[in-house]
C-alpha atoms as a PDB file:
ATOM      1  CA  UNK A   1     -12.283  19.854   6.669  1.00  0.00           C
ATOM      2  CA  UNK A   2     -16.062  19.679   6.828  1.00  0.00           C
ATOM      3  CA  UNK A   3     -16.097  16.463   4.763  1.00  0.00           C
ATOM      4  CA  UNK A   4     -13.568  14.905   7.150  1.00  0.00           C
ATOM      5  CA  UNK A   5     -15.713  15.917  10.115  1.00  0.00           C
ATOM      6  CA  UNK A   6     -18.861  14.557   8.454  1.00  0.00           C
ATOM      7  CA  UNK A   7     -17.232  11.207   7.624  1.00  0.00           C
ATOM      8  CA  UNK A   8     -15.669  10.979  11.098  1.00  0.00           C
ATOM      9  CA  UNK A   9     -19.093  11.492  12.684  1.00  0.00           C
ATOM     10  CA  UNK A  10     -20.599   8.801  10.431  1.00  0.00           C
ATOM     11  CA  UNK A  11     -17.796   6.400  11.405  1.00  0.00           C
ATOM     12  CA  UNK A  12     -18.334   7.208  15.093  1.00  0.00           C
ATOM     13  CA  UNK A  13     -22.009   6.263  14.698  1.00  0.00           C
ATOM     14  CA  UNK A  14     -21.228   2.796  13.337  1.00  0.00           C
ATOM     15  CA  UNK A  15     -21.111  -0.337  15.491  1.00  0.00           C
ATOM     16  CA  UNK A  16     -17.540  -0.899  16.674  1.00  0.00           C
ATOM     17  CA  UNK A  17     -16.960  -3.975  14.480  1.00  0.00           C
ATOM     18  CA  UNK A  18     -18.007  -2.117  11.336  1.00  0.00           C
ATOM     19  CA  UNK A  19     -15.939   0.936  12.284  1.00  0.00           C
ATOM     20  CA  UNK A  20     -12.866  -1.272  12.809  1.00  0.00           C
ATOM     21  CA  UNK A  21     -13.457  -2.993   9.468  1.00  0.00           C
ATOM     22  CA  UNK A  22     -13.775   0.390   7.764  1.00  0.00           C
ATOM     23  CA  UNK A  23     -10.562   1.684   9.362  1.00  0.00           C
ATOM     24  CA  UNK A  24      -8.717  -1.497   8.399  1.00  0.00           C
ATOM     25  CA  UNK A  25      -9.943  -1.169   4.820  1.00  0.00           C
ATOM     26  CA  UNK A  26      -8.803   2.466   4.686  1.00  0.00           C
ATOM     27  CA  UNK A  27      -5.245   1.332   5.431  1.00  0.00           C
ATOM     28  CA  UNK A  28      -5.519  -1.072   2.480  1.00  0.00           C
ATOM     29  CA  UNK A  29      -6.177   1.785   0.068  1.00  0.00           C
ATOM     30  CA  UNK A  30      -8.975   3.094  -2.136  1.00  0.00           C
ATOM     31  CA  UNK A  31      -9.423  -0.261  -3.920  1.00  0.00           C
ATOM     32  CA  UNK A  32      -8.666  -3.515  -2.135  1.00  0.00           C
ATOM     33  CA  UNK A  33      -9.268  -7.259  -2.554  1.00  0.00           C
ATOM     34  CA  UNK A  34     -11.985  -8.815  -0.409  1.00  0.00           C
ATOM     35  CA  UNK A  35      -9.721 -11.765   0.488  1.00  0.00           C
ATOM     36  CA  UNK A  36      -7.223  -9.380   2.050  1.00  0.00           C
ATOM     37  CA  UNK A  37      -9.866  -7.806   4.256  1.00  0.00           C
ATOM     38  CA  UNK A  38     -11.128 -11.274   5.207  1.00  0.00           C
ATOM     39  CA  UNK A  39      -7.648 -12.337   6.306  1.00  0.00           C
ATOM     40  CA  UNK A  40      -7.206  -9.124   8.261  1.00  0.00           C
ATOM     41  CA  UNK A  41     -10.441  -9.314  10.274  1.00  0.00           C
ATOM     42  CA  UNK A  42     -11.757 -12.855   9.779  1.00  0.00           C
ATOM     43  CA  UNK A  43     -14.242 -14.253   7.291  1.00  0.00           C
ATOM     44  CA  UNK A  44     -17.400 -13.889   9.377  1.00  0.00           C
ATOM     45  CA  UNK A  45     -16.677 -10.327  10.501  1.00  0.00           C
ATOM     46  CA  UNK A  46     -15.736  -9.297   6.968  1.00  0.00           C
ATOM     47  CA  UNK A  47     -18.838 -10.809   5.368  1.00  0.00           C
ATOM     48  CA  UNK A  48     -21.296  -9.133   7.726  1.00  0.00           C
ATOM     49  CA  UNK A  49     -19.369  -5.866   7.871  1.00  0.00           C
ATOM     50  CA  UNK A  50     -18.868  -5.520   4.131  1.00  0.00           C
ATOM     51  CA  UNK A  51     -22.555  -5.998   3.453  1.00  0.00           C
ATOM     52  CA  UNK A  52     -23.486  -3.377   6.040  1.00  0.00           C
ATOM     53  CA  UNK A  53     -20.865  -0.903   4.800  1.00  0.00           C
ATOM     54  CA  UNK A  54     -22.033  -1.301   1.199  1.00  0.00           C
ATOM     55  CA  UNK A  55     -25.588  -0.584   2.381  1.00  0.00           C
ATOM     56  CA  UNK A  56     -24.304   2.465   4.299  1.00  0.00           C
ATOM     57  CA  UNK A  57     -22.620   3.797   1.117  1.00  0.00           C
ATOM     58  CA  UNK A  58     -19.059   3.469   2.375  1.00  0.00           C
ATOM     59  CA  UNK A  59     -18.073   0.660  -0.028  1.00  0.00           C
ATOM     60  CA  UNK A  60     -18.963  -0.185  -3.617  1.00  0.00           C
ATOM     61  CA  UNK A  61     -18.017  -3.169  -5.785  1.00  0.00           C
ATOM     62  CA  UNK A  62     -14.680  -2.797  -7.575  1.00  0.00           C
ATOM     63  CA  UNK A  63     -14.187  -2.874 -11.340  1.00  0.00           C
ATOM     64  CA  UNK A  64     -13.172  -6.539 -11.167  1.00  0.00           C
ATOM     65  CA  UNK A  65     -14.757  -9.421  -9.266  1.00  0.00           C
ATOM     66  CA  UNK A  66     -13.295  -9.864  -5.779  1.00  0.00           C
ATOM     67  CA  UNK A  67     -12.422  -6.183  -5.384  1.00  0.00           C
ATOM     68  CA  UNK A  68     -14.069  -3.527  -3.260  1.00  0.00           C
ATOM     69  CA  UNK A  69     -13.526   0.190  -3.323  1.00  0.00           C
ATOM     70  CA  UNK A  70     -14.512   3.100  -1.196  1.00  0.00           C
ATOM     71  CA  UNK A  71     -17.540   4.901  -2.592  1.00  0.00           C
ATOM     72  CA  UNK A  72     -15.464   8.108  -2.820  1.00  0.00           C
ATOM     73  CA  UNK A  73     -11.739   8.781  -2.526  1.00  0.00           C
ATOM     74  CA  UNK A  74     -12.416  11.571  -0.025  1.00  0.00           C
ATOM     75  CA  UNK A  75     -14.283   9.085   2.163  1.00  0.00           C
ATOM     76  CA  UNK A  76     -11.274   6.768   2.244  1.00  0.00           C
ATOM     77  CA  UNK A  77      -8.954   9.641   3.116  1.00  0.00           C
ATOM     78  CA  UNK A  78     -11.271  10.896   5.866  1.00  0.00           C
ATOM     79  CA  UNK A  79     -11.616   7.416   7.389  1.00  0.00           C
ATOM     80  CA  UNK A  80      -7.832   6.910   7.191  1.00  0.00           C
ATOM     81  CA  UNK A  81      -7.375  10.183   9.088  1.00  0.00           C
ATOM     82  CA  UNK A  82      -9.447   8.766  11.990  1.00  0.00           C
ATOM     83  CA  UNK A  83      -6.964   5.922  12.548  1.00  0.00           C
ATOM     84  CA  UNK A  84      -4.510   6.853  15.337  1.00  0.00           C
ATOM     85  CA  UNK A  85      -0.853   6.831  14.150  1.00  0.00           C
ATOM     86  CA  UNK A  86       0.256   3.857  16.283  1.00  0.00           C
ATOM     87  CA  UNK A  87      -2.737   1.788  15.160  1.00  0.00           C
ATOM     88  CA  UNK A  88      -2.121   2.885  11.568  1.00  0.00           C
ATOM     89  CA  UNK A  89       1.478   1.633  11.684  1.00  0.00           C
ATOM     90  CA  UNK A  90       0.342  -1.646  13.235  1.00  0.00           C
ATOM     91  CA  UNK A  91      -2.341  -2.115  10.555  1.00  0.00           C
ATOM     92  CA  UNK A  92       0.130  -1.350   7.760  1.00  0.00           C
ATOM     93  CA  UNK A  93       2.518  -3.917   9.219  1.00  0.00           C
ATOM     94  CA  UNK A  94      -0.204  -6.558   9.592  1.00  0.00           C
ATOM     95  CA  UNK A  95      -1.441  -5.893   6.056  1.00  0.00           C
ATOM     96  CA  UNK A  96       2.089  -6.199   4.664  1.00  0.00           C
ATOM     97  CA  UNK A  97       2.614  -9.455   6.547  1.00  0.00           C
ATOM     98  CA  UNK A  98      -0.664 -10.856   5.192  1.00  0.00           C
ATOM     99  CA  UNK A  99       0.294  -9.876   1.637  1.00  0.00           C
ATOM    100  CA  UNK A 100       3.806 -11.215   2.118  1.00  0.00           C
ATOM    101  CA  UNK A 101       2.478 -14.461   3.537  1.00  0.00           C
ATOM    102  CA  UNK A 102      -0.011 -14.895   0.697  1.00  0.00           C
ATOM    103  CA  UNK A 103       2.959 -15.365  -1.626  1.00  0.00           C
ATOM    104  CA  UNK A 104       2.447 -17.697  -4.528  1.00  0.00           C
ATOM    105  CA  UNK A 105       2.308 -16.492  -8.083  1.00  0.00           C
ATOM    106  CA  UNK A 106       0.445 -13.301  -7.075  1.00  0.00           C
ATOM    107  CA  UNK A 107       3.361 -12.073  -4.950  1.00  0.00           C
ATOM    108  CA  UNK A 108       4.926 -10.429  -8.003  1.00  0.00           C
ATOM    109  CA  UNK A 109       1.797  -8.296  -8.390  1.00  0.00           C
ATOM    110  CA  UNK A 110       2.024  -6.962  -4.834  1.00  0.00           C
ATOM    111  CA  UNK A 111       5.607  -5.641  -4.834  1.00  0.00           C
ATOM    112  CA  UNK A 112       4.677  -1.947  -4.787  1.00  0.00           C
ATOM    113  CA  UNK A 113       1.977  -2.509  -2.183  1.00  0.00           C
ATOM    114  CA  UNK A 114       4.389  -4.468   0.012  1.00  0.00           C
ATOM    115  CA  UNK A 115       6.993  -1.711  -0.269  1.00  0.00           C
ATOM    116  CA  UNK A 116       4.382   0.939   0.574  1.00  0.00           C
ATOM    117  CA  UNK A 117       2.918  -0.889   3.572  1.00  0.00           C
ATOM    118  CA  UNK A 118       6.274  -1.902   5.057  1.00  0.00           C
ATOM    119  CA  UNK A 119       7.439   1.689   4.669  1.00  0.00           C
ATOM    120  CA  UNK A 120       4.293   3.024   6.366  1.00  0.00           C
ATOM    121  CA  UNK A 121       4.841   0.475   9.149  1.00  0.00           C
ATOM    122  CA  UNK A 122       8.410   1.703   9.660  1.00  0.00           C
ATOM    123  CA  UNK A 123      10.044  -1.573   8.595  1.00  0.00           C
ATOM    124  CA  UNK A 124      12.778   0.022   6.484  1.00  0.00           C
ATOM    125  CA  UNK A 125      14.725  -3.112   5.535  1.00  0.00           C
ATOM    126  CA  UNK A 126      11.713  -4.929   4.078  1.00  0.00           C
ATOM    127  CA  UNK A 127      10.446  -1.711   2.485  1.00  0.00           C
ATOM    128  CA  UNK A 128      13.806  -1.367   0.714  1.00  0.00           C
ATOM    129  CA  UNK A 129      13.746  -4.985  -0.472  1.00  0.00           C
ATOM    130  CA  UNK A 130      10.258  -4.795  -1.963  1.00  0.00           C
ATOM    131  CA  UNK A 131      10.748  -1.310  -3.401  1.00  0.00           C
ATOM    132  CA  UNK A 132      13.887  -2.470  -5.195  1.00  0.00           C
ATOM    133  CA  UNK A 133      12.065  -5.514  -6.589  1.00  0.00           C
ATOM    134  CA  UNK A 134       9.190  -3.250  -7.694  1.00  0.00           C
ATOM    135  CA  UNK A 135      11.663  -0.855  -9.297  1.00  0.00           C
ATOM    136  CA  UNK A 136      13.365  -3.702 -11.149  1.00  0.00           C
ATOM    137  CA  UNK A 137       9.971  -4.946 -12.361  1.00  0.00           C
ATOM    138  CA  UNK A 138       9.015  -1.462 -13.557  1.00  0.00           C
ATOM    139  CA  UNK A 139      12.374  -0.928 -15.259  1.00  0.00           C
ATOM    140  CA  UNK A 140      12.028  -4.241 -17.102  1.00  0.00           C
ATOM    141  CA  UNK A 141       8.615  -3.102 -18.330  1.00  0.00           C
ATOM    142  CA  UNK A 142      10.069   0.306 -19.316  1.00  0.00           C
ATOM    143  CA  UNK A 143       7.732   2.038 -16.855  1.00  0.00           C
ATOM    144  CA  UNK A 144      10.473   4.504 -16.035  1.00  0.00           C
ATOM    145  CA  UNK A 145       8.362   6.809 -13.873  1.00  0.00           C
ATOM    146  CA  UNK A 146       7.391   3.880 -11.600  1.00  0.00           C
ATOM    147  CA  UNK A 147      10.987   2.624 -11.532  1.00  0.00           C
ATOM    148  CA  UNK A 148      12.292   6.073 -10.512  1.00  0.00           C
ATOM    149  CA  UNK A 149       9.706   6.334  -7.756  1.00  0.00           C
ATOM    150  CA  UNK A 150      10.536   2.899  -6.355  1.00  0.00           C
ATOM    151  CA  UNK A 151      14.310   3.391  -6.505  1.00  0.00           C
ATOM    152  CA  UNK A 152      13.947   6.689  -4.644  1.00  0.00           C
ATOM    153  CA  UNK A 153      11.901   4.807  -2.038  1.00  0.00           C
ATOM    154  CA  UNK A 154      14.718   2.245  -1.715  1.00  0.00           C
ATOM    155  CA  UNK A 155      17.273   4.982  -1.086  1.00  0.00           C
ATOM    156  CA  UNK A 156      15.023   6.620   1.512  1.00  0.00           C
ATOM    157  CA  UNK A 157      14.425   3.286   3.233  1.00  0.00           C
ATOM    158  CA  UNK A 158      18.142   2.517   3.312  1.00  0.00           C
ATOM    159  CA  UNK A 159      18.798   5.985   4.718  1.00  0.00           C
ATOM    160  CA  UNK A 160      16.255   5.239   7.485  1.00  0.00           C
ATOM    161  CA  UNK A 161      18.217   2.207   8.678  1.00  0.00           C
ATOM    162  CA  UNK A 162      20.161   2.771  11.913  1.00  0.00           C
ATOM    163  CA  UNK A 163      23.650   2.916  10.441  1.00  0.00           C
ATOM    164  CA  UNK A 164      24.579   1.576   7.050  1.00  0.00           C
ATOM    165  CA  UNK A 165      26.878  -1.414   6.979  1.00  0.00           C
ATOM    166  CA  UNK A 166      29.440  -1.713   4.190  1.00  0.00           C
ATOM    167  CA  UNK A 167      27.070  -4.026   2.280  1.00  0.00           C
ATOM    168  CA  UNK A 168      24.197  -1.579   2.706  1.00  0.00           C
ATOM    169  CA  UNK A 169      26.397   1.264   1.441  1.00  0.00           C
ATOM    170  CA  UNK A 170      27.293  -0.768  -1.646  1.00  0.00           C
ATOM    171  CA  UNK A 171      23.628  -1.584  -2.157  1.00  0.00           C
ATOM    172  CA  UNK A 172      22.778   2.122  -1.866  1.00  0.00           C
ATOM    173  CA  UNK A 173      25.297   2.862  -4.648  1.00  0.00           C
ATOM    174  CA  UNK A 174      23.936   0.047  -6.842  1.00  0.00           C
ATOM    175  CA  UNK A 175      20.374   1.324  -6.433  1.00  0.00           C
ATOM    176  CA  UNK A 176      21.532   4.859  -7.194  1.00  0.00           C
ATOM    177  CA  UNK A 177      22.963   3.470 -10.458  1.00  0.00           C
ATOM    178  CA  UNK A 178      19.610   1.864 -11.254  1.00  0.00           C
ATOM    179  CA  UNK A 179      17.921   5.177 -10.511  1.00  0.00           C
ATOM    180  CA  UNK A 180      20.282   6.888 -12.932  1.00  0.00           C
ATOM    181  CA  UNK A 181      19.485   4.280 -15.560  1.00  0.00           C
ATOM    182  CA  UNK A 182      15.747   4.895 -15.090  1.00  0.00           C
ATOM    183  CA  UNK A 183      16.299   8.641 -15.478  1.00  0.00           C
ATOM    184  CA  UNK A 184      18.102   8.374 -18.808  1.00  0.00           C
ATOM    185  CA  UNK A 185      16.000   8.855 -21.911  1.00  0.00           C
ATOM    186  CA  UNK A 186      17.590   8.300 -25.300  1.00  0.00           C
ATOM    187  CA  UNK A 187      15.500   9.825 -28.106  1.00  0.00           C
ATOM    188  CA  UNK A 188      17.841   8.281 -30.706  1.00  0.00           C
ATOM    189  CA  UNK A 189      16.412   4.846 -29.905  1.00  0.00           C
ATOM    190  CA  UNK A 190      12.983   5.941 -31.159  1.00  0.00           C
ATOM    191  CA  UNK A 191      12.235   4.855 -34.715  1.00  0.00           C
ATOM    192  CA  UNK A 192      10.491   8.104 -35.624  1.00  0.00           C
END
């Protein structure tokens, strides 16, 4: 609690533009691409704000070029806690729309992030679509833990819809089958 209070007081002492940039980045996660932040707040605001927030020890360069990260995970969590719930949902939705609109060949890489942000924004139908695509991707790569997690997210998102149509009920059953497939482990297929 004291770390959250300390970080919240540091955020409150920042100029409003930097504080908004920091809150927006916290919705993006612990590590985030610079281009995403630029599209969220504008190039000029991002450039000046990022530099100042790196100097203030909020941000650090990511492991790969073009990525930023929060200096500490606890800092990101404390900043995220300062974002009011309605603003948080709106930022998650905007971030998901920016990622979704970016499209191109990188869209396949953002499936889990899109599912997460649409879910946090309360857009259950899109959250279900992207979570199912992420689950299918994980299942194809034999990342069964990720596939299970995403298929469970699909079922939760479908359950959050206001009344399931016949097609949605059939989809729910099909995803439940995929979940079952991701939960099956056959040790006889192992060579050793």
